[in-house]
Amino acid sequence: MTVTNIVQGIWAFSAVGLIILVLLHSPKGDGVGAIGGQAQLFSSTKSAETTLNRVTWTLTVIFLGFTVVLSAGWLPK
């Protein structure tokens, strides 16, 4: 297993994660609370939305960073 394969795996995981998280965002601010009621993991809807935003931004940075690295060919094959 090469470094390129590992980076491609993380890149693919972040892409799928971003798709799922963007679909979880609610335009009305309901967020995760709209799916199956209030999430047990979060203490409030505001906390759920804040956590969802932070995870989404983290995956966005990972995805875009690895996109640049993979497209530039900076990793050995």
N, C-alpha and C. Protein backbone atom coordinates (compact mmCIF):
# COMPACT_ATOMS: atom_id res chain seq x y z
N MET A 1 0.85 -1.17 0.00
CA MET A 1 0.00 0.00 0.00
C MET A 1 0.90 1.24 0.00
N THR A 2 0.68 2.11 -0.95
CA THR A 2 1.52 3.29 -1.08
C THR A 2 0.86 4.50 -0.41
N VAL A 3 1.65 5.55 -0.27
CA VAL A 3 1.15 6.79 0.32
C VAL A 3 0.02 7.35 -0.54
N THR A 4 0.16 7.24 -1.85
CA THR A 4 -0.88 7.75 -2.76
C THR A 4 -2.20 7.02 -2.53
N ASN A 5 -2.16 5.72 -2.34
CA ASN A 5 -3.39 4.96 -2.09
C ASN A 5 -4.05 5.37 -0.78
N ILE A 6 -3.24 5.62 0.24
CA ILE A 6 -3.79 6.04 1.53
C ILE A 6 -4.45 7.41 1.41
N VAL A 7 -3.77 8.33 0.74
CA VAL A 7 -4.32 9.68 0.55
C VAL A 7 -5.59 9.62 -0.29
N GLN A 8 -5.61 8.78 -1.31
CA GLN A 8 -6.82 8.65 -2.13
C GLN A 8 -7.98 8.07 -1.31
N GLY A 9 -7.69 7.15 -0.41
CA GLY A 9 -8.73 6.60 0.45
C GLY A 9 -9.32 7.65 1.39
N ILE A 10 -8.44 8.45 2.01
CA ILE A 10 -8.91 9.52 2.88
C ILE A 10 -9.69 10.56 2.07
N TRP A 11 -9.20 10.86 0.87
CA TRP A 11 -9.87 11.82 -0.01
C TRP A 11 -11.28 11.33 -0.37
N ALA A 12 -11.42 10.06 -0.71
CA ALA A 12 -12.73 9.50 -1.05
C ALA A 12 -13.66 9.50 0.16
N PHE A 13 -13.13 9.14 1.34
CA PHE A 13 -13.93 9.17 2.57
C PHE A 13 -14.43 10.57 2.87
N SER A 14 -13.55 11.57 2.70
CA SER A 14 -13.97 12.94 2.97
C SER A 14 -15.02 13.40 1.96
N ALA A 15 -14.93 12.94 0.71
CA ALA A 15 -15.93 13.30 -0.29
C ALA A 15 -17.30 12.73 0.08
N VAL A 16 -17.35 11.47 0.45
CA VAL A 16 -18.62 10.84 0.85
C VAL A 16 -19.16 11.49 2.12
N GLY A 17 -18.26 11.76 3.06
CA GLY A 17 -18.67 12.42 4.30
C GLY A 17 -19.25 13.80 4.05
N LEU A 18 -18.64 14.55 3.13
CA LEU A 18 -19.16 15.87 2.79
C LEU A 18 -20.56 15.79 2.18
N ILE A 19 -20.75 14.83 1.31
CA ILE A 19 -22.08 14.66 0.70
C ILE A 19 -23.13 14.41 1.77
N ILE A 20 -22.82 13.50 2.68
CA ILE A 20 -23.77 13.16 3.74
C ILE A 20 -24.03 14.35 4.65
N LEU A 21 -22.96 15.05 5.06
CA LEU A 21 -23.13 16.17 5.98
C LEU A 21 -23.87 17.34 5.34
N VAL A 22 -23.63 17.59 4.07
CA VAL A 22 -24.35 18.68 3.40
C VAL A 22 -25.84 18.33 3.31
N LEU A 23 -26.15 17.07 3.09
CA LEU A 23 -27.55 16.67 3.05
C LEU A 23 -28.21 16.75 4.42
N LEU A 24 -27.43 16.62 5.49
CA LEU A 24 -27.98 16.72 6.84
C LEU A 24 -28.28 18.16 7.24
N HIS A 25 -27.61 19.11 6.62
CA HIS A 25 -27.87 20.52 6.94
C HIS A 25 -29.28 20.87 6.52
N SER A 26 -29.96 21.58 7.40
CA SER A 26 -31.32 21.99 7.11
C SER A 26 -31.34 23.48 6.78
N PRO A 27 -32.05 23.88 5.74
CA PRO A 27 -32.11 25.30 5.41
C PRO A 27 -32.88 26.11 6.45
N LYS A 28 -33.66 25.44 7.28
CA LYS A 28 -34.44 26.13 8.31
C LYS A 28 -33.72 26.17 9.65
N GLY A 29 -32.52 25.60 9.71
CA GLY A 29 -31.79 25.60 10.98
C GLY A 29 -32.13 24.42 11.86
N ASP A 30 -32.92 23.46 11.37
CA ASP A 30 -33.25 22.30 12.17
C ASP A 30 -32.07 21.35 12.30
N GLY A 31 -31.31 21.19 11.23
CA GLY A 31 -30.11 20.35 11.26
C GLY A 31 -30.41 18.91 11.60
N VAL A 32 -29.59 18.33 12.45
CA VAL A 32 -29.69 16.93 12.83
C VAL A 32 -30.98 16.67 13.62
N GLY A 33 -31.46 17.67 14.33
CA GLY A 33 -32.67 17.51 15.13
C GLY A 33 -33.90 17.17 14.31
N ALA A 34 -33.90 17.49 13.03
CA ALA A 34 -35.05 17.22 12.18
C ALA A 34 -35.15 15.75 11.79
N ILE A 35 -34.06 15.02 11.91
CA ILE A 35 -34.04 13.61 11.53
C ILE A 35 -34.22 12.77 12.78
N GLY A 36 -35.38 12.19 12.93
CA GLY A 36 -35.65 11.31 14.06
C GLY A 36 -35.71 12.03 15.39
N GLY A 37 -36.08 13.27 15.41
CA GLY A 37 -36.18 14.00 16.66
C GLY A 37 -34.83 14.53 17.11
N GLN A 38 -34.78 15.02 18.32
CA GLN A 38 -33.54 15.59 18.86
C GLN A 38 -32.50 14.49 19.04
N ALA A 39 -31.29 14.76 18.56
CA ALA A 39 -30.20 13.79 18.68
C ALA A 39 -29.77 13.68 20.14
N GLN A 40 -29.53 12.47 20.62
CA GLN A 40 -29.12 12.25 21.99
C GLN A 40 -27.69 12.71 22.24
N LEU A 41 -26.90 12.77 21.18
CA LEU A 41 -25.49 13.12 21.31
C LEU A 41 -25.30 14.60 21.64
N PHE A 42 -26.26 15.42 21.30
CA PHE A 42 -26.11 16.86 21.46
C PHE A 42 -27.05 17.37 22.54
N SER A 43 -26.62 18.42 23.23
CA SER A 43 -27.45 18.96 24.30
C SER A 43 -28.54 19.90 23.79
N SER A 44 -28.33 20.48 22.62
CA SER A 44 -29.33 21.38 22.06
C SER A 44 -29.21 21.41 20.55
N THR A 45 -30.21 21.97 19.91
CA THR A 45 -30.19 22.08 18.45
C THR A 45 -29.06 22.99 18.00
N LYS A 46 -28.82 24.05 18.76
CA LYS A 46 -27.73 24.97 18.42
C LYS A 46 -26.38 24.25 18.51
N SER A 47 -26.22 23.42 19.50
CA SER A 47 -24.99 22.64 19.65
C SER A 47 -24.84 21.65 18.51
N ALA A 48 -25.94 21.04 18.10
CA ALA A 48 -25.90 20.10 16.99
C ALA A 48 -25.51 20.80 15.70
N GLU A 49 -26.06 21.97 15.48
CA GLU A 49 -25.76 22.72 14.25
C GLU A 49 -24.31 23.19 14.25
N THR A 50 -23.82 23.62 15.41
CA THR A 50 -22.43 24.06 15.52
C THR A 50 -21.48 22.91 15.26
N THR A 51 -21.76 21.76 15.83
CA THR A 51 -20.92 20.58 15.62
C THR A 51 -20.96 20.14 14.16
N LEU A 52 -22.13 20.16 13.57
CA LEU A 52 -22.29 19.79 12.17
C LEU A 52 -21.49 20.74 11.27
N ASN A 53 -21.52 22.01 11.57
CA ASN A 53 -20.75 22.99 10.79
C ASN A 53 -19.25 22.76 10.93
N ARG A 54 -18.78 22.49 12.13
CA ARG A 54 -17.35 22.28 12.35
C ARG A 54 -16.85 21.03 11.62
N VAL A 55 -17.61 19.95 11.70
CA VAL A 55 -17.21 18.72 11.01
C VAL A 55 -17.24 18.92 9.50
N THR A 56 -18.24 19.64 9.01
CA THR A 56 -18.34 19.91 7.57
C THR A 56 -17.14 20.72 7.10
N TRP A 57 -16.78 21.77 7.84
CA TRP A 57 -15.63 22.59 7.45
C TRP A 57 -14.33 21.80 7.52
N THR A 58 -14.19 20.94 8.52
CA THR A 58 -12.98 20.12 8.63
C THR A 58 -12.85 19.19 7.43
N LEU A 59 -13.93 18.52 7.07
CA LEU A 59 -13.89 17.63 5.90
C LEU A 59 -13.68 18.41 4.61
N THR A 60 -14.18 19.63 4.54
CA THR A 60 -13.96 20.46 3.35
C THR A 60 -12.49 20.79 3.19
N VAL A 61 -11.84 21.16 4.28
CA VAL A 61 -10.41 21.49 4.22
C VAL A 61 -9.59 20.25 3.84
N ILE A 62 -9.92 19.10 4.43
CA ILE A 62 -9.22 17.86 4.08
C ILE A 62 -9.42 17.52 2.61
N PHE A 63 -10.66 17.60 2.15
CA PHE A 63 -10.96 17.26 0.76
C PHE A 63 -10.23 18.18 -0.21
N LEU A 64 -10.30 19.48 0.02
CA LEU A 64 -9.65 20.42 -0.89
C LEU A 64 -8.13 20.31 -0.83
N GLY A 65 -7.59 20.10 0.36
CA GLY A 65 -6.14 19.94 0.50
C GLY A 65 -5.63 18.71 -0.24
N PHE A 66 -6.31 17.59 -0.06
CA PHE A 66 -5.89 16.37 -0.75
C PHE A 66 -6.16 16.45 -2.25
N THR A 67 -7.16 17.22 -2.66
CA THR A 67 -7.40 17.41 -4.08
C THR A 67 -6.22 18.12 -4.73
N VAL A 68 -5.71 19.13 -4.07
CA VAL A 68 -4.55 19.86 -4.59
C VAL A 68 -3.33 18.95 -4.62
N VAL A 69 -3.09 18.21 -3.54
CA VAL A 69 -1.92 17.33 -3.46
C VAL A 69 -1.99 16.24 -4.53
N LEU A 70 -3.15 15.62 -4.70
CA LEU A 70 -3.29 14.54 -5.69
C LEU A 70 -3.21 15.06 -7.12
N SER A 71 -3.80 16.22 -7.37
CA SER A 71 -3.80 16.73 -8.75
C SER A 71 -2.44 17.29 -9.15
N ALA A 72 -1.67 17.77 -8.17
CA ALA A 72 -0.35 18.33 -8.46
C ALA A 72 0.70 17.23 -8.68
N GLY A 73 0.40 16.02 -8.24
CA GLY A 73 1.33 14.92 -8.40
C GLY A 73 2.53 15.00 -7.47
N TRP A 74 2.32 15.55 -6.28
CA TRP A 74 3.41 15.72 -5.32
C TRP A 74 3.76 14.44 -4.58
N LEU A 75 2.94 13.42 -4.70
CA LEU A 75 3.19 12.17 -3.98
C LEU A 75 3.87 11.16 -4.90
N PRO A 76 4.77 10.34 -4.32
CA PRO A 76 5.40 9.30 -5.15
C PRO A 76 4.40 8.23 -5.54
N LYS A 77 4.62 7.63 -6.70
CA LYS A 77 3.70 6.59 -7.17
C LYS A 77 4.13 5.24 -6.80
